[in-house]
Protein backbone atom coordinates (compact mmCIF):
# COMPACT_ATOMS: atom_id res chain seq x y z
CA MET A 1 96.85 78.92 116.46
CA ARG A 2 94.45 81.05 114.52
CA SER A 3 96.97 83.88 114.48
CA ALA A 4 99.68 81.59 113.06
CA LYS A 5 97.28 80.24 110.41
CA GLY A 6 96.24 83.79 109.55
CA LYS A 7 99.86 84.83 109.08
CA LYS A 8 100.51 81.81 106.83
CA SER A 9 97.41 82.58 104.78
CA LYS A 10 98.43 86.21 104.43
CA GLY A 11 101.95 85.17 103.44
CA ARG A 12 100.58 82.82 100.77
CA ARG A 13 98.43 85.63 99.36
CA TYR A 14 101.44 87.92 99.13
CA CYS A 15 103.48 85.15 97.52
CA ASN A 16 100.73 84.40 94.99
CA ALA A 17 100.35 88.09 94.19
CA LEU A 18 104.11 88.39 93.66
CA LEU A 19 104.16 85.36 91.37
CA LEU A 20 101.27 86.76 89.35
CA ALA A 21 103.05 90.11 89.03
CA VAL A 22 106.26 88.43 87.86
CA ALA A 23 104.31 86.27 85.38
CA ALA A 24 102.56 89.37 84.02
CA LEU A 25 105.90 91.18 83.59
CA LEU A 26 107.39 88.18 81.81
CA LEU A 27 104.48 88.23 79.37
CA VAL A 28 104.97 91.87 78.38
CA PRO A 29 107.99 91.35 76.07
CA PRO A 30 106.47 88.53 73.95
CA VAL A 31 103.25 90.53 73.58
CA GLU A 32 105.15 93.64 72.51
CA VAL A 33 107.28 91.64 70.08
CA ALA A 34 104.19 89.96 68.61
CA ILE A 35 102.64 93.39 68.04
CA VAL A 36 105.61 94.75 66.06
CA ARG A 37 105.53 91.70 63.83
CA PHE A 38 102.42 93.16 62.24
CA ILE A 39 102.40 96.85 63.22
CA ASP A 40 105.13 99.35 62.41
CA PRO A 41 105.96 101.15 65.68
CA PRO A 42 104.70 104.77 65.55
CA ARG A 43 107.21 105.60 68.29
CA THR A 44 109.83 103.61 70.16
CA ARG A 45 110.65 103.68 73.85
CA PRO A 46 113.98 105.54 73.37
CA MET A 47 112.15 108.22 71.36
CA ILE A 48 109.56 108.68 74.10
CA LEU A 49 112.15 108.66 76.89
CA SER A 50 114.28 111.21 75.07
CA GLN A 51 111.35 113.58 74.71
CA LEU A 52 110.33 113.09 78.36
CA SER A 53 113.87 113.66 79.57
CA ALA A 54 114.05 116.94 77.70
CA ALA A 55 110.68 118.03 79.07
CA PHE A 56 111.64 117.31 82.68
CA SER A 57 115.04 118.95 82.35
CA ARG A 58 113.47 121.96 80.64
CA SER A 59 116.11 121.78 77.93
CA PRO A 60 115.11 122.02 74.28
CA ALA A 61 114.67 118.61 72.71
CA PRO A 62 115.86 118.09 69.14
CA PRO A 63 112.97 117.72 66.70
CA LEU A 64 111.97 114.11 66.21
CA ARG A 65 112.85 112.87 62.72
CA TYR A 66 111.40 109.44 62.03
CA HIS A 67 110.06 108.30 58.67
CA TRP A 68 109.13 104.65 58.28
CA ILE A 69 109.68 102.96 54.93
CA ASP A 70 108.94 99.32 54.13
CA LEU A 71 111.73 96.88 53.37
CA PRO A 72 111.27 96.94 49.55
CA GLN A 73 111.79 100.73 49.65
CA ILE A 74 115.12 100.46 51.46
CA PRO A 75 117.98 100.29 48.93
CA GLU A 76 119.65 96.88 48.85
CA MET A 77 122.92 98.81 48.86
CA PHE A 78 122.18 100.23 52.32
CA LEU A 79 121.00 96.87 53.67
CA ARG A 80 124.27 95.36 52.47
CA HIS A 81 126.28 98.16 54.09
CA LEU A 82 124.31 97.79 57.33
CA TRP A 83 125.00 94.05 57.39
CA LEU A 84 128.71 94.59 56.71
CA SER A 85 129.02 97.26 59.39
CA GLU A 86 126.95 95.73 62.17
CA ASP A 87 126.57 91.96 62.03
CA GLN A 88 127.82 89.78 59.19
CA ARG A 89 126.58 86.59 60.88
CA PHE A 90 123.06 87.98 61.36
CA PHE A 91 121.49 85.35 59.11
CA GLN A 92 123.34 82.47 60.80
CA HIS A 93 122.93 83.12 64.54
CA ASP A 94 119.90 82.94 66.82
CA GLY A 95 120.23 86.49 68.09
CA PHE A 96 123.42 85.81 70.05
CA ASP A 97 126.72 85.58 68.18
CA TRP A 98 128.54 83.16 70.44
CA LYS A 99 131.74 83.30 68.38
CA GLU A 100 131.91 87.07 68.74
CA ILE A 101 130.97 86.87 72.43
CA ASP A 102 133.83 84.45 73.02
CA ALA A 103 136.24 86.72 71.11
CA ALA A 104 135.04 89.76 73.09
CA MET A 105 135.59 87.92 76.38
CA LYS A 106 139.13 87.01 75.35
CA ARG A 107 139.85 90.62 74.37
CA ALA A 108 138.50 91.76 77.73
CA ASP A 109 140.75 89.29 79.57
CA ARG A 110 143.79 90.59 77.72
CA SER A 111 142.97 94.26 78.19
CA GLY A 112 141.43 94.11 81.66
CA LYS A 113 138.44 96.14 80.41
CA PRO A 114 134.76 95.11 80.24
CA ALA A 115 133.75 92.98 77.25
CA ARG A 116 132.37 95.04 74.38
CA GLY A 117 131.54 94.72 70.70
CA ALA A 118 129.50 91.51 70.65
CA SER A 119 126.04 93.00 70.08
CA THR A 120 124.05 91.60 67.19
CA ILE A 121 121.52 93.38 64.99
CA THR A 122 118.76 91.69 66.99
CA ASN A 123 120.25 92.91 70.29
CA GLN A 124 120.49 96.45 69.00
CA CYS A 125 117.02 96.32 67.48
CA ALA A 126 115.58 95.15 70.82
CA ARG A 127 117.00 98.09 72.76
CA SER A 128 116.20 100.54 69.95
CA ILE A 129 112.49 99.66 70.14
CA PHE A 130 111.72 98.43 73.65
CA LEU A 131 114.42 99.66 76.04
CA TRP A 132 116.69 102.67 76.60
CA GLN A 133 120.22 103.86 75.95
CA GLY A 134 122.97 103.40 78.52
CA ARG A 135 124.80 100.50 80.09
CA SER A 136 123.55 98.41 83.00
CA TRP A 137 123.08 94.75 83.83
CA VAL A 138 119.32 95.30 84.08
CA ARG A 139 119.11 96.64 80.55
CA LYS A 140 121.41 93.90 79.26
CA GLY A 141 119.24 91.23 80.86
CA LEU A 142 116.07 92.72 79.39
CA GLU A 143 117.78 93.08 76.03
CA SER A 144 118.62 89.37 76.05
CA TYR A 145 115.03 88.45 76.98
CA TYR A 146 113.60 90.59 74.18
CA THR A 147 116.19 89.16 71.78
CA PHE A 148 115.04 85.63 72.58
CA TRP A 149 111.42 86.51 71.78
CA MET A 150 112.30 88.48 68.65
CA GLU A 151 114.22 85.57 67.17
CA LEU A 152 111.38 83.22 68.12
CA LEU A 153 108.46 85.32 66.86
CA LEU A 154 109.88 87.44 64.04
CA PRO A 155 111.40 86.40 60.72
CA LYS A 156 114.87 87.75 60.03
CA ARG A 157 113.56 90.04 57.29
CA ARG A 158 111.21 91.73 59.77
CA ILE A 159 114.00 92.23 62.32
CA PHE A 160 116.17 93.78 59.61
CA GLU A 161 113.31 96.02 58.45
CA LEU A 162 112.66 97.20 62.01
CA TYR A 163 116.33 97.83 62.65
CA ALA A 164 116.87 99.89 59.50
CA ASN A 165 113.93 102.10 60.49
CA VAL A 166 114.41 102.62 64.23
CA ILE A 167 118.16 102.69 64.73
CA GLU A 168 119.39 106.05 66.05
CA THR A 169 121.28 107.96 63.36
CA GLY A 170 121.82 111.25 65.20
CA ARG A 171 120.23 113.42 67.87
CA GLY A 172 116.50 112.94 67.40
CA ILE A 173 117.06 111.14 64.09
CA TYR A 174 115.93 107.54 63.63
CA GLY A 175 116.20 105.22 60.65
CA VAL A 176 117.72 105.38 57.20
CA GLU A 177 115.00 107.51 55.57
CA ALA A 178 115.17 110.27 58.19
CA ALA A 179 118.99 110.17 58.11
CA ALA A 180 119.13 110.42 54.31
CA ARG A 181 116.79 113.43 54.36
CA HIS A 182 118.56 115.16 57.23
CA TYR A 183 122.19 114.70 56.20
CA PHE A 184 121.99 114.62 52.41
CA GLY A 185 118.61 116.10 51.46
CA VAL A 186 117.50 112.99 49.56
CA SER A 187 115.30 109.97 50.19
CA ALA A 188 116.95 106.66 51.06
CA ARG A 189 116.65 105.65 47.42
CA GLY A 190 118.64 108.73 46.41
CA LEU A 191 121.72 107.87 48.48
CA THR A 192 125.01 107.39 46.69
CA ARG A 193 127.16 104.38 47.50
CA GLU A 194 129.54 106.52 49.57
CA GLN A 195 126.71 108.20 51.49
CA SER A 196 125.07 104.86 52.24
CA ALA A 197 128.33 103.41 53.56
CA ALA A 198 128.92 106.53 55.69
CA LEU A 199 125.48 106.19 57.32
CA ALA A 200 126.10 102.52 58.11
CA ALA A 201 129.60 103.31 59.39
CA MET A 202 128.39 105.96 61.87
CA LEU A 203 125.98 103.73 63.79
CA PRO A 204 128.30 102.86 66.70
CA ASN A 205 128.48 106.56 67.59
CA PRO A 206 125.68 108.48 65.82
CA LYS A 207 125.60 111.41 68.25
CA ARG A 208 129.26 112.29 67.71
CA TRP A 209 129.88 111.42 64.06
CA ASP A 210 128.53 113.37 61.09
CA PRO A 211 128.58 111.57 57.72
CA ARG A 212 128.81 114.93 55.91
CA ARG A 213 132.05 115.76 57.71
CA PRO A 214 133.56 112.38 58.53
CA SER A 215 136.31 112.16 61.11
CA PRO A 216 139.33 110.01 60.22
CA THR A 217 137.82 107.11 62.19
CA LEU A 218 134.46 107.38 60.45
CA ARG A 219 136.10 107.66 57.03
CA TRP A 220 138.18 104.56 57.80
CA ARG A 221 135.04 102.63 58.74
CA GLN A 222 133.28 103.83 55.59
CA GLN A 223 136.15 102.76 53.34
CA ARG A 224 136.37 99.38 55.08
CA ILE A 225 132.69 98.75 54.29
CA LEU A 226 133.22 99.74 50.65
CA ARG A 227 136.24 97.40 50.38
CA GLN A 228 134.42 94.47 51.98
CA GLU A 229 131.44 95.02 49.69
CA ARG A 230 133.50 93.94 46.69
CA THR A 231 133.90 90.38 47.94
CA ALA A 232 131.18 89.80 50.55
CA GLN A 233 128.16 87.79 49.46
CA PHE A 234 125.12 89.50 50.94
CA PRO A 235 122.22 86.95 51.20
CA GLN A 236 119.59 89.27 49.70
CA HIS A 237 117.34 86.29 48.91
CA LEU A 238 116.74 85.79 52.64
CA LEU A 239 114.98 89.17 52.81
CA ARG A 240 112.36 88.31 50.18
């Protein structure tokens, strides 16, 4: 009897410990999101993981280029181009663009390939700060969990500010200021309209595309942004 009771007691302790561990893990994302509401991240997880990966593989890591600038310092032109390129319903959705998700699922059904192309700015911002590059269901699940907390705890203007600063814009290059300096030798405020559109256009594939020598696909994306800019109404007032 005592042995059976002892086993039950031990099992309950293990169960309680497991529940506490799960609860603690579930609390990490909201705490991290709350921190970046008020503190600009000095480094992001992808930056750290990239440096560690290079160290362990003994291959030279590209120099880290990351220069934070506050939202008022980011040209409205680039913010508009970023919005046009990445997520034109950013200010309407709750972090998940269900219309685009539905369209992506239908495209996947027709093509027989996995659904792609439904990521929002909040999704991409979550993985650019807290997660890692690559595709897996684990990362996608964590990305969704972080997205939920980001939309709950951060105003849209802060998400947009974070995204413009931490998004990967080349090997070891993060954010619009670092990209402007690296590719064009100017600050973000010194970008021309064409340069700004090229930087926004390259974001789906920043390690392969170079805005100084645009491929036909990159040039097409750049010109599409510039055409859309003429008629699209960017809600700049929502970033004030």
